C-alpha cells in the first residue's frame, strides 16, 4: 500500500505505477533500454505493459511490467522493483520460463526459433552486494569460464546506487539519479537528449487526468485486496484458535485417563475428530504437551488434505 499513499505528482520512475505508464511510449522504451545496456535499440512494435503470462489455468501465471521486441526480434523484459522481496533471483528465472514458453508456437519442434531474450530488473538497492551499477548474467561454463552456452538468454540487474561510476557514461549515471528523483530540477542537470525525452513523457503522464483516475482505481483495488486479506486472515485465525482450544481440552482429558469415546461425549465433538487428535497425541504421552500435539495433528490434517 506504500505506493498507493503517494500522489501521482510525487512519484518517481522508481514507483512501478509511474514507470509502467511512461514505458507504454515506444520512444521512451527505446531510450530506457539503450541507456541501461549502453547500446542503441529500435523496437519492431509498440511495447506492452503489465503483460500477463499463463501456461495453464492450473499453474501460476506471471505479470511483467514492460515487454518489447526490437527489429532483430530480440525480446526485452523490463521490471521496476522498488522493494527487496528476497526472491528476485528465482523470480527472474520464473519469468524467463514463462516468456520462453510463449515464444514457441504450439507443436513447434525447432527450438532454434526461440528468440533471444534480455530480462532487465531495475532496483534501488544492491541485490548482490558487490557495489556495481549493473550485473549481467549469461550461461557460462564453470570449468571453462570463457565458454558461454549461447542460448540467447540474458538477465541484467540494475542497481541505481552502484559505486563504480568510472565504468559508465555520464548519461547512464544521470539516469540513475533521475530514476530516484524524476523532477524538473534533476532533468535540467543532464545533457542527455534521451533523459529529456523520458522526462517529457513523465511530465505528460503526471498531468494526465486519465492517469490520475487510473491511479485512484488502483488505490481502490489495493484497499479492497487489503480488506479481503484481513477478513480472510481473521477467519483463518478464528478457525485456528478453535482447533487449538479443542486440542487443549482433549489433552487435559487425556491426562486424566479418559478414552476417546468419553472425550468426544464431554466435548460434544465427533469421535472421528477426537480420535484423530488422540492418535496424534499418543506420541507425546503421558505429558501430552498441548502445543506439540496440536502441531502433530495439524500436520496430519494437511497431509490428509493433500492425499
C-alpha atoms as a PDB file:
ATOM      1  CA  UNK A   1       0.000   0.000   0.000  1.00  0.00           C
ATOM      2  CA  UNK A   2       3.009   2.326   0.258  1.00  0.00           C
ATOM      3  CA  UNK A   3       2.832   3.328  -3.411  1.00  0.00           C
ATOM      4  CA  UNK A   4      -0.910   3.956  -3.081  1.00  0.00           C
ATOM      5  CA  UNK A   5      -0.192   6.629  -0.456  1.00  0.00           C
ATOM      6  CA  UNK A   6       1.879   8.606  -2.956  1.00  0.00           C
ATOM      7  CA  UNK A   7       0.230  11.125  -5.267  1.00  0.00           C
ATOM      8  CA  UNK A   8       0.980  10.933  -8.969  1.00  0.00           C
ATOM      9  CA  UNK A   9       2.899  14.221  -8.832  1.00  0.00           C
ATOM     10  CA  UNK A  10       5.115  12.911  -6.029  1.00  0.00           C
ATOM     11  CA  UNK A  11       6.022   9.701  -7.830  1.00  0.00           C
ATOM     12  CA  UNK A  12       9.396   8.976  -9.389  1.00  0.00           C
ATOM     13  CA  UNK A  13      10.293   6.392 -12.029  1.00  0.00           C
ATOM     14  CA  UNK A  14      11.241   4.010  -9.214  1.00  0.00           C
ATOM     15  CA  UNK A  15       7.494   3.797  -8.456  1.00  0.00           C
ATOM     16  CA  UNK A  16       6.071   0.952 -10.517  1.00  0.00           C
ATOM     17  CA  UNK A  17       2.812   2.693 -11.424  1.00  0.00           C
ATOM     18  CA  UNK A  18       4.540   5.703 -12.997  1.00  0.00           C
ATOM     19  CA  UNK A  19       7.182   3.508 -14.617  1.00  0.00           C
ATOM     20  CA  UNK A  20       4.567   1.329 -16.339  1.00  0.00           C
ATOM     21  CA  UNK A  21       2.615   4.335 -17.571  1.00  0.00           C
ATOM     22  CA  UNK A  22       5.702   6.043 -19.013  1.00  0.00           C
ATOM     23  CA  UNK A  23       7.086   2.888 -20.622  1.00  0.00           C
ATOM     24  CA  UNK A  24       3.987   2.484 -22.797  1.00  0.00           C
ATOM     25  CA  UNK A  25       5.572   5.070 -25.095  1.00  0.00           C
ATOM     26  CA  UNK A  26       7.749   3.371 -27.731  1.00  0.00           C
ATOM     27  CA  UNK A  27      10.381   6.129 -27.863  1.00  0.00           C
ATOM     28  CA  UNK A  28      10.714   6.085 -24.070  1.00  0.00           C
ATOM     29  CA  UNK A  29      11.074   2.292 -24.009  1.00  0.00           C
ATOM     30  CA  UNK A  30      13.853   2.502 -26.605  1.00  0.00           C
ATOM     31  CA  UNK A  31      15.594   5.303 -24.714  1.00  0.00           C
ATOM     32  CA  UNK A  32      15.476   3.489 -21.358  1.00  0.00           C
ATOM     33  CA  UNK A  33      16.830   0.196 -22.720  1.00  0.00           C
ATOM     34  CA  UNK A  34      19.509   1.975 -24.759  1.00  0.00           C
ATOM     35  CA  UNK A  35      20.760   3.855 -21.689  1.00  0.00           C
ATOM     36  CA  UNK A  36      20.700   0.806 -19.407  1.00  0.00           C
ATOM     37  CA  UNK A  37      22.509  -1.510 -21.832  1.00  0.00           C
ATOM     38  CA  UNK A  38      24.753   1.064 -23.474  1.00  0.00           C
ATOM     39  CA  UNK A  39      23.637   0.130 -26.984  1.00  0.00           C
ATOM     40  CA  UNK A  40      21.044   1.571 -29.335  1.00  0.00           C
ATOM     41  CA  UNK A  41      17.877  -0.451 -29.903  1.00  0.00           C
ATOM     42  CA  UNK A  42      14.896   0.089 -32.182  1.00  0.00           C
ATOM     43  CA  UNK A  43      11.593  -1.583 -31.417  1.00  0.00           C
ATOM     44  CA  UNK A  44       9.652  -3.504 -34.031  1.00  0.00           C
ATOM     45  CA  UNK A  45       6.261  -2.758 -32.462  1.00  0.00           C
ATOM     46  CA  UNK A  46       4.751  -0.783 -29.585  1.00  0.00           C
ATOM     47  CA  UNK A  47       5.744  -2.239 -26.178  1.00  0.00           C
ATOM     48  CA  UNK A  48       3.255  -3.949 -23.890  1.00  0.00           C
ATOM     49  CA  UNK A  49       2.930  -3.112 -20.194  1.00  0.00           C
ATOM     50  CA  UNK A  50       1.612  -5.328 -17.380  1.00  0.00           C
ATOM     51  CA  UNK A  51       1.684  -8.283 -19.772  1.00  0.00           C
ATOM     52  CA  UNK A  52       0.341 -11.496 -18.253  1.00  0.00           C
ATOM     53  CA  UNK A  53       1.652 -14.990 -18.964  1.00  0.00           C
ATOM     54  CA  UNK A  54      -0.166 -18.186 -18.034  1.00  0.00           C
ATOM     55  CA  UNK A  55       0.780 -21.593 -19.393  1.00  0.00           C
ATOM     56  CA  UNK A  56      -2.250 -23.344 -17.876  1.00  0.00           C
ATOM     57  CA  UNK A  57      -5.184 -22.385 -15.628  1.00  0.00           C
ATOM     58  CA  UNK A  58      -3.826 -24.903 -13.106  1.00  0.00           C
ATOM     59  CA  UNK A  59      -0.371 -23.303 -12.975  1.00  0.00           C
ATOM     60  CA  UNK A  60       0.716 -19.975 -11.574  1.00  0.00           C
ATOM     61  CA  UNK A  61       0.920 -17.156 -14.076  1.00  0.00           C
ATOM     62  CA  UNK A  62       3.228 -14.162 -14.173  1.00  0.00           C
ATOM     63  CA  UNK A  63       2.931 -10.490 -14.991  1.00  0.00           C
ATOM     64  CA  UNK A  64       5.748  -8.407 -16.419  1.00  0.00           C
ATOM     65  CA  UNK A  65       5.965  -4.625 -16.201  1.00  0.00           C
ATOM     66  CA  UNK A  66       7.102  -3.962 -19.783  1.00  0.00           C
ATOM     67  CA  UNK A  67       7.845  -6.163 -22.809  1.00  0.00           C
ATOM     68  CA  UNK A  68       9.024  -5.197 -26.273  1.00  0.00           C
ATOM     69  CA  UNK A  69      10.830  -6.731 -29.269  1.00  0.00           C
ATOM     70  CA  UNK A  70      13.409  -4.944 -31.419  1.00  0.00           C
ATOM     71  CA  UNK A  71      13.830  -5.059 -35.191  1.00  0.00           C
ATOM     72  CA  UNK A  72      16.074  -8.119 -34.787  1.00  0.00           C
ATOM     73  CA  UNK A  73      13.241  -9.845 -32.874  1.00  0.00           C
ATOM     74  CA  UNK A  74      15.182  -9.798 -29.618  1.00  0.00           C
ATOM     75  CA  UNK A  75      12.741  -9.559 -26.689  1.00  0.00           C
ATOM     76  CA  UNK A  76      13.319  -7.116 -23.815  1.00  0.00           C
ATOM     77  CA  UNK A  77      11.528  -7.530 -20.497  1.00  0.00           C
ATOM     78  CA  UNK A  78      11.881  -4.677 -18.006  1.00  0.00           C
ATOM     79  CA  UNK A  79      10.700  -4.637 -14.419  1.00  0.00           C
ATOM     80  CA  UNK A  80      10.971  -1.899 -11.797  1.00  0.00           C
ATOM     81  CA  UNK A  81      11.334  -3.460  -8.347  1.00  0.00           C
ATOM     82  CA  UNK A  82      11.328  -0.914  -5.531  1.00  0.00           C
ATOM     83  CA  UNK A  83      11.301  -3.403  -2.640  1.00  0.00           C
ATOM     84  CA  UNK A  84      13.691  -6.278  -1.992  1.00  0.00           C
ATOM     85  CA  UNK A  85      11.381  -9.280  -1.611  1.00  0.00           C
ATOM     86  CA  UNK A  86      14.350 -11.655  -1.097  1.00  0.00           C
ATOM     87  CA  UNK A  87      13.259 -13.805  -4.043  1.00  0.00           C
ATOM     88  CA  UNK A  88      14.173 -11.734  -7.082  1.00  0.00           C
ATOM     89  CA  UNK A  89      16.796 -14.112  -8.494  1.00  0.00           C
ATOM     90  CA  UNK A  90      14.342 -17.028  -8.536  1.00  0.00           C
ATOM     91  CA  UNK A  91      11.532 -14.781  -9.717  1.00  0.00           C
ATOM     92  CA  UNK A  92      13.598 -13.724 -12.723  1.00  0.00           C
ATOM     93  CA  UNK A  93      14.079 -17.414 -13.539  1.00  0.00           C
ATOM     94  CA  UNK A  94      10.307 -17.956 -13.261  1.00  0.00           C
ATOM     95  CA  UNK A  95       9.611 -15.087 -15.666  1.00  0.00           C
ATOM     96  CA  UNK A  96      12.231 -16.376 -18.095  1.00  0.00           C
ATOM     97  CA  UNK A  97      10.467 -19.735 -18.279  1.00  0.00           C
ATOM     98  CA  UNK A  98       7.081 -18.140 -18.941  1.00  0.00           C
ATOM     99  CA  UNK A  99       8.430 -15.970 -21.741  1.00  0.00           C
ATOM    100  CA  UNK A 100      10.326 -18.852 -23.376  1.00  0.00           C
ATOM    101  CA  UNK A 101       7.174 -20.993 -23.488  1.00  0.00           C
ATOM    102  CA  UNK A 102       5.182 -18.135 -25.010  1.00  0.00           C
ATOM    103  CA  UNK A 103       7.746 -17.642 -27.787  1.00  0.00           C
ATOM    104  CA  UNK A 104       7.213 -21.092 -29.331  1.00  0.00           C
ATOM    105  CA  UNK A 105       4.191 -21.921 -31.458  1.00  0.00           C
ATOM    106  CA  UNK A 106       2.160 -24.956 -30.273  1.00  0.00           C
ATOM    107  CA  UNK A 107       3.694 -28.111 -31.725  1.00  0.00           C
ATOM    108  CA  UNK A 108       6.903 -26.358 -32.775  1.00  0.00           C
ATOM    109  CA  UNK A 109       9.895 -28.699 -32.906  1.00  0.00           C
ATOM    110  CA  UNK A 110      12.571 -26.181 -33.810  1.00  0.00           C
ATOM    111  CA  UNK A 111      13.974 -24.801 -30.567  1.00  0.00           C
ATOM    112  CA  UNK A 112      16.371 -22.653 -32.578  1.00  0.00           C
ATOM    113  CA  UNK A 113      13.367 -20.497 -33.416  1.00  0.00           C
ATOM    114  CA  UNK A 114      13.383 -19.231 -29.821  1.00  0.00           C
ATOM    115  CA  UNK A 115      14.116 -15.521 -29.870  1.00  0.00           C
ATOM    116  CA  UNK A 116      16.898 -14.011 -27.785  1.00  0.00           C
ATOM    117  CA  UNK A 117      15.545 -12.593 -24.519  1.00  0.00           C
ATOM    118  CA  UNK A 118      17.047  -9.887 -22.325  1.00  0.00           C
ATOM    119  CA  UNK A 119      15.419  -9.536 -18.918  1.00  0.00           C
ATOM    120  CA  UNK A 120      16.184  -6.277 -17.085  1.00  0.00           C
ATOM    121  CA  UNK A 121      15.314  -5.693 -13.437  1.00  0.00           C
ATOM    122  CA  UNK A 122      15.866  -2.194 -12.003  1.00  0.00           C
ATOM    123  CA  UNK A 123      16.268  -1.844  -8.227  1.00  0.00           C
ATOM    124  CA  UNK A 124      17.194   0.998  -5.845  1.00  0.00           C
ATOM    125  CA  UNK A 125      19.320  -1.431  -3.827  1.00  0.00           C
ATOM    126  CA  UNK A 126      22.324  -3.682  -4.394  1.00  0.00           C
ATOM    127  CA  UNK A 127      20.871  -7.173  -4.758  1.00  0.00           C
ATOM    128  CA  UNK A 128      24.280  -8.866  -4.915  1.00  0.00           C
ATOM    129  CA  UNK A 129      26.297  -6.613  -2.606  1.00  0.00           C
ATOM    130  CA  UNK A 130      29.258  -6.072  -4.948  1.00  0.00           C
ATOM    131  CA  UNK A 131      28.779  -2.328  -5.379  1.00  0.00           C
ATOM    132  CA  UNK A 132      28.101  -2.470  -9.135  1.00  0.00           C
ATOM    133  CA  UNK A 133      25.585  -0.454 -11.093  1.00  0.00           C
ATOM    134  CA  UNK A 134      24.933  -3.325 -13.489  1.00  0.00           C
ATOM    135  CA  UNK A 135      25.121  -7.112 -13.145  1.00  0.00           C
ATOM    136  CA  UNK A 136      24.801  -9.085 -16.400  1.00  0.00           C
ATOM    137  CA  UNK A 137      24.254 -12.848 -16.304  1.00  0.00           C
ATOM    138  CA  UNK A 138      24.622 -15.293 -19.209  1.00  0.00           C
ATOM    139  CA  UNK A 139      25.170 -19.053 -19.182  1.00  0.00           C
ATOM    140  CA  UNK A 140      28.896 -19.594 -18.513  1.00  0.00           C
ATOM    141  CA  UNK A 141      30.701 -22.920 -18.113  1.00  0.00           C
ATOM    142  CA  UNK A 142      32.229 -23.311 -14.634  1.00  0.00           C
ATOM    143  CA  UNK A 143      35.101 -25.405 -15.964  1.00  0.00           C
ATOM    144  CA  UNK A 144      35.759 -23.064 -18.903  1.00  0.00           C
ATOM    145  CA  UNK A 145      34.764 -19.507 -17.887  1.00  0.00           C
ATOM    146  CA  UNK A 146      35.422 -18.242 -21.414  1.00  0.00           C
ATOM    147  CA  UNK A 147      32.811 -20.677 -22.782  1.00  0.00           C
ATOM    148  CA  UNK A 148      29.219 -19.408 -22.970  1.00  0.00           C
ATOM    149  CA  UNK A 149      26.244 -21.640 -23.690  1.00  0.00           C
ATOM    150  CA  UNK A 150      24.839 -19.203 -26.248  1.00  0.00           C
ATOM    151  CA  UNK A 151      21.177 -19.911 -25.593  1.00  0.00           C
ATOM    152  CA  UNK A 152      20.211 -16.283 -26.147  1.00  0.00           C
ATOM    153  CA  UNK A 153      19.079 -15.660 -22.568  1.00  0.00           C
ATOM    154  CA  UNK A 154      20.366 -12.606 -20.703  1.00  0.00           C
ATOM    155  CA  UNK A 155      19.452 -11.398 -17.238  1.00  0.00           C
ATOM    156  CA  UNK A 156      20.510  -7.883 -16.255  1.00  0.00           C
ATOM    157  CA  UNK A 157      20.092  -6.391 -12.780  1.00  0.00           C
ATOM    158  CA  UNK A 158      20.441  -2.622 -12.465  1.00  0.00           C
ATOM    159  CA  UNK A 159      21.382  -1.123  -9.088  1.00  0.00           C
ATOM    160  CA  UNK A 160      20.713   2.630  -9.030  1.00  0.00           C
ATOM    161  CA  UNK A 161      23.094   3.008  -6.073  1.00  0.00           C
ATOM    162  CA  UNK A 162      26.237   1.487  -7.537  1.00  0.00           C
ATOM    163  CA  UNK A 163      29.752   2.569  -6.602  1.00  0.00           C
ATOM    164  CA  UNK A 164      31.660   2.120  -9.884  1.00  0.00           C
ATOM    165  CA  UNK A 165      30.870   5.339 -11.813  1.00  0.00           C
ATOM    166  CA  UNK A 166      34.162   5.095 -13.715  1.00  0.00           C
ATOM    167  CA  UNK A 167      32.710   2.230 -15.737  1.00  0.00           C
ATOM    168  CA  UNK A 168      29.680   4.116 -17.044  1.00  0.00           C
ATOM    169  CA  UNK A 169      28.768   7.104 -19.180  1.00  0.00           C
ATOM    170  CA  UNK A 170      27.521  10.415 -17.783  1.00  0.00           C
ATOM    171  CA  UNK A 171      24.170   9.625 -19.385  1.00  0.00           C
ATOM    172  CA  UNK A 172      23.849   6.307 -17.528  1.00  0.00           C
ATOM    173  CA  UNK A 173      24.805   7.903 -14.203  1.00  0.00           C
ATOM    174  CA  UNK A 174      22.418  10.820 -14.763  1.00  0.00           C
ATOM    175  CA  UNK A 175      19.632   8.329 -15.454  1.00  0.00           C
ATOM    176  CA  UNK A 176      20.345   6.508 -12.192  1.00  0.00           C
ATOM    177  CA  UNK A 177      19.768   9.825 -10.422  1.00  0.00           C
ATOM    178  CA  UNK A 178      16.668  10.557 -12.477  1.00  0.00           C
ATOM    179  CA  UNK A 179      15.044   7.215 -11.634  1.00  0.00           C
ATOM    180  CA  UNK A 180      15.130   8.186  -7.968  1.00  0.00           C
ATOM    181  CA  UNK A 181      14.291  11.876  -8.487  1.00  0.00           C
ATOM    182  CA  UNK A 182      12.125  12.307 -11.599  1.00  0.00           C
ATOM    183  CA  UNK A 183      11.764  16.077 -11.312  1.00  0.00           C
ATOM    184  CA  UNK A 184      12.336  19.138 -13.495  1.00  0.00           C
ATOM    185  CA  UNK A 185      15.377  20.024 -11.388  1.00  0.00           C
ATOM    186  CA  UNK A 186      17.038  16.659 -11.928  1.00  0.00           C
ATOM    187  CA  UNK A 187      16.201  16.584 -15.654  1.00  0.00           C
ATOM    188  CA  UNK A 188      17.684  20.063 -16.157  1.00  0.00           C
ATOM    189  CA  UNK A 189      21.057  18.911 -14.830  1.00  0.00           C
ATOM    190  CA  UNK A 190      21.656  16.421 -17.647  1.00  0.00           C
ATOM    191  CA  UNK A 191      22.725  16.980 -21.206  1.00  0.00           C
ATOM    192  CA  UNK A 192      21.192  13.692 -22.335  1.00  0.00           C
ATOM    193  CA  UNK A 193      18.552  14.016 -25.034  1.00  0.00           C
ATOM    194  CA  UNK A 194      17.189  10.596 -24.095  1.00  0.00           C
ATOM    195  CA  UNK A 195      16.634  11.538 -20.443  1.00  0.00           C
ATOM    196  CA  UNK A 196      14.947  14.790 -21.503  1.00  0.00           C
ATOM    197  CA  UNK A 197      12.662  12.769 -23.799  1.00  0.00           C
ATOM    198  CA  UNK A 198      11.842  10.432 -20.904  1.00  0.00           C
ATOM    199  CA  UNK A 199      11.158  13.399 -18.623  1.00  0.00           C
ATOM    200  CA  UNK A 200       8.821  14.945 -21.194  1.00  0.00           C
ATOM    201  CA  UNK A 201       6.731  11.775 -21.084  1.00  0.00           C
ATOM    202  CA  UNK A 202       6.884  11.654 -17.275  1.00  0.00           C
ATOM    203  CA  UNK A 203       5.583  15.229 -17.158  1.00  0.00           C
ATOM    204  CA  UNK A 204       2.727  14.432 -19.540  1.00  0.00           C
ATOM    205  CA  UNK A 205       1.729  11.349 -17.563  1.00  0.00           C
ATOM    206  CA  UNK A 206       1.715  13.263 -14.284  1.00  0.00           C
ATOM    207  CA  UNK A 207      -0.539  15.929 -15.804  1.00  0.00           C
ATOM    208  CA  UNK A 208      -2.935  13.395 -17.351  1.00  0.00           C
ATOM    209  CA  UNK A 209      -6.393  13.367 -15.795  1.00  0.00           C
ATOM    210  CA  UNK A 210      -6.937   9.873 -17.221  1.00  0.00           C
ATOM    211  CA  UNK A 211      -3.812   8.580 -15.476  1.00  0.00           C
ATOM    212  CA  UNK A 212      -4.921  10.211 -12.231  1.00  0.00           C
ATOM    213  CA  UNK A 213      -8.239   8.347 -12.408  1.00  0.00           C
ATOM    214  CA  UNK A 214      -6.378   5.114 -13.143  1.00  0.00           C
ATOM    215  CA  UNK A 215      -4.228   5.635 -10.050  1.00  0.00           C
ATOM    216  CA  UNK A 216      -7.329   6.215  -7.920  1.00  0.00           C
ATOM    217  CA  UNK A 217      -8.757   2.956  -9.225  1.00  0.00           C
ATOM    218  CA  UNK A 218      -5.502   1.225  -8.322  1.00  0.00           C
ATOM    219  CA  UNK A 219      -5.785   2.601  -4.775  1.00  0.00           C
ATOM    220  CA  UNK A 220      -9.320   1.249  -4.520  1.00  0.00           C
ATOM    221  CA  UNK A 221      -8.231  -2.183  -5.797  1.00  0.00           C
ATOM    222  CA  UNK A 222      -5.399  -2.321  -3.262  1.00  0.00           C
ATOM    223  CA  UNK A 223      -7.722  -1.266  -0.466  1.00  0.00           C
ATOM    224  CA  UNK A 224     -10.230  -3.981  -1.424  1.00  0.00           C
ATOM    225  CA  UNK A 225      -7.468  -6.606  -1.587  1.00  0.00           C
ATOM    226  CA  UNK A 226      -6.215  -5.484   1.824  1.00  0.00           C
ATOM    227  CA  UNK A 227      -9.694  -5.648   3.364  1.00  0.00           C
ATOM    228  CA  UNK A 228     -10.372  -9.060   1.822  1.00  0.00           C
ATOM    229  CA  UNK A 229      -7.000 -10.279   3.075  1.00  0.00           C
ATOM    230  CA  UNK A 230      -7.701  -9.047   6.596  1.00  0.00           C
ATOM    231  CA  UNK A 231     -11.118 -10.713   6.624  1.00  0.00           C
ATOM    232  CA  UNK A 232      -9.643 -13.971   5.337  1.00  0.00           C
ATOM    233  CA  UNK A 233      -6.909 -13.730   7.955  1.00  0.00           C
ATOM    234  CA  UNK A 234      -9.440 -13.138  10.730  1.00  0.00           C
ATOM    235  CA  UNK A 235     -11.480 -16.137   9.585  1.00  0.00           C
ATOM    236  CA  UNK A 236      -8.393 -18.353   9.488  1.00  0.00           C
ATOM    237  CA  UNK A 237      -7.390 -17.046  12.899  1.00  0.00           C
ATOM    238  CA  UNK A 238     -10.759 -17.919  14.368  1.00  0.00           C
ATOM    239  CA  UNK A 239     -10.622 -21.406  12.861  1.00  0.00           C
ATOM    240  CA  UNK A 240      -7.048 -21.891  14.114  1.00  0.00           C
ATOM    241  CA  UNK A 241      -7.997 -20.748  17.607  1.00  0.00           C
ATOM    242  CA  UNK A 242     -10.990 -23.091  17.694  1.00  0.00           C
ATOM    243  CA  UNK A 243      -8.830 -26.062  16.720  1.00  0.00           C
ATOM    244  CA  UNK A 244      -6.179 -25.151  19.289  1.00  0.00           C
ATOM    245  CA  UNK A 245      -8.794 -24.946  22.064  1.00  0.00           C
ATOM    246  CA  UNK A 246     -10.191 -28.337  21.071  1.00  0.00           C
ATOM    247  CA  UNK A 247      -6.727 -29.917  21.255  1.00  0.00           C
ATOM    248  CA  UNK A 248      -6.032 -28.266  24.619  1.00  0.00           C
ATOM    249  CA  UNK A 249      -9.285 -29.619  26.055  1.00  0.00           C
ATOM    250  CA  UNK A 250      -8.654 -33.099  24.667  1.00  0.00           C
ATOM    251  CA  UNK A 251      -5.118 -33.165  26.094  1.00  0.00           C
ATOM    252  CA  UNK A 252      -6.356 -32.194  29.556  1.00  0.00           C
ATOM    253  CA  UNK A 253      -8.842 -35.064  29.479  1.00  0.00           C
ATOM    254  CA  UNK A 254      -6.209 -37.478  28.198  1.00  0.00           C
ATOM    255  CA  UNK A 255      -4.028 -36.578  31.174  1.00  0.00           C
ATOM    256  CA  UNK A 256      -6.961 -37.577  33.391  1.00  0.00           C
ATOM    257  CA  UNK A 257      -7.015 -41.005  31.745  1.00  0.00           C
ATOM    258  CA  UNK A 258     -10.160 -40.588  29.678  1.00  0.00           C
ATOM    259  CA  UNK A 259     -10.630 -42.564  26.458  1.00  0.00           C
ATOM    260  CA  UNK A 260     -11.577 -41.065  23.061  1.00  0.00           C
ATOM    261  CA  UNK A 261     -15.265 -42.017  23.358  1.00  0.00           C
ATOM    262  CA  UNK A 262     -15.553 -40.230  26.715  1.00  0.00           C
ATOM    263  CA  UNK A 263     -13.705 -37.159  25.446  1.00  0.00           C
ATOM    264  CA  UNK A 264     -15.937 -36.948  22.350  1.00  0.00           C
ATOM    265  CA  UNK A 265     -19.031 -37.059  24.538  1.00  0.00           C
ATOM    266  CA  UNK A 266     -17.686 -34.496  27.031  1.00  0.00           C
ATOM    267  CA  UNK A 267     -16.685 -32.034  24.317  1.00  0.00           C
ATOM    268  CA  UNK A 268     -19.727 -32.720  22.124  1.00  0.00           C
ATOM    269  CA  UNK A 269     -17.442 -33.463  19.168  1.00  0.00           C
ATOM    270  CA  UNK A 270     -17.452 -36.362  16.683  1.00  0.00           C
ATOM    271  CA  UNK A 271     -15.454 -39.448  17.536  1.00  0.00           C
ATOM    272  CA  UNK A 272     -13.594 -39.193  14.208  1.00  0.00           C
ATOM    273  CA  UNK A 273     -12.174 -35.763  15.113  1.00  0.00           C
ATOM    274  CA  UNK A 274     -11.333 -36.667  18.716  1.00  0.00           C
ATOM    275  CA  UNK A 275      -9.902 -39.993  17.585  1.00  0.00           C
ATOM    276  CA  UNK A 276      -7.511 -38.255  15.191  1.00  0.00           C
ATOM    277  CA  UNK A 277      -6.374 -35.883  17.970  1.00  0.00           C
ATOM    278  CA  UNK A 278      -5.804 -38.792  20.373  1.00  0.00           C
ATOM    279  CA  UNK A 279      -3.852 -40.646  17.704  1.00  0.00           C
ATOM    280  CA  UNK A 280      -1.556 -37.647  17.195  1.00  0.00           C
ATOM    281  CA  UNK A 281      -1.273 -37.203  20.985  1.00  0.00           C
ATOM    282  CA  UNK A 282      -0.139 -40.795  21.580  1.00  0.00           C
ATOM    283  CA  UNK A 283       3.443 -39.901  20.654  1.00  0.00           C
ATOM    284  CA  UNK A 284       3.557 -37.331  23.473  1.00  0.00           C
ATOM    285  CA  UNK A 285       2.152 -39.441  26.354  1.00  0.00           C
ATOM    286  CA  UNK A 286       1.970 -39.177  29.294  1.00  0.00           C
ATOM    287  CA  UNK A 287       2.508 -35.380  29.406  1.00  0.00           C
ATOM    288  CA  UNK A 288       0.516 -34.662  26.208  1.00  0.00           C
ATOM    289  CA  UNK A 289       2.238 -31.339  25.510  1.00  0.00           C
ATOM    290  CA  UNK A 290      -0.620 -29.338  24.008  1.00  0.00           C
ATOM    291  CA  UNK A 291       1.495 -27.311  21.576  1.00  0.00           C
ATOM    292  CA  UNK A 292       3.310 -30.371  20.227  1.00  0.00           C
ATOM    293  CA  UNK A 293       0.100 -32.363  19.938  1.00  0.00           C
ATOM    294  CA  UNK A 294      -1.575 -29.521  18.065  1.00  0.00           C
ATOM    295  CA  UNK A 295       1.248 -29.219  15.514  1.00  0.00           C
ATOM    296  CA  UNK A 296       1.370 -33.008  15.012  1.00  0.00           C
ATOM    297  CA  UNK A 297      -2.394 -33.137  14.483  1.00  0.00           C
ATOM    298  CA  UNK A 298      -2.286 -30.148  12.145  1.00  0.00           C
ATOM    299  CA  UNK A 299       0.397 -31.833  10.017  1.00  0.00           C
ATOM    300  CA  UNK A 300      -1.734 -34.960   9.776  1.00  0.00           C
ATOM    301  CA  UNK A 301      -4.743 -32.918   8.652  1.00  0.00           C
ATOM    302  CA  UNK A 302      -2.666 -31.153   5.986  1.00  0.00           C
ATOM    303  CA  UNK A 303      -1.196 -34.441   4.776  1.00  0.00           C
ATOM    304  CA  UNK A 304      -4.683 -35.935   4.550  1.00  0.00           C
ATOM    305  CA  UNK A 305      -5.960 -32.911   2.610  1.00  0.00           C
ATOM    306  CA  UNK A 306      -3.152 -33.271   0.060  1.00  0.00           C
ATOM    307  CA  UNK A 307      -3.640 -37.014  -0.401  1.00  0.00           C
END
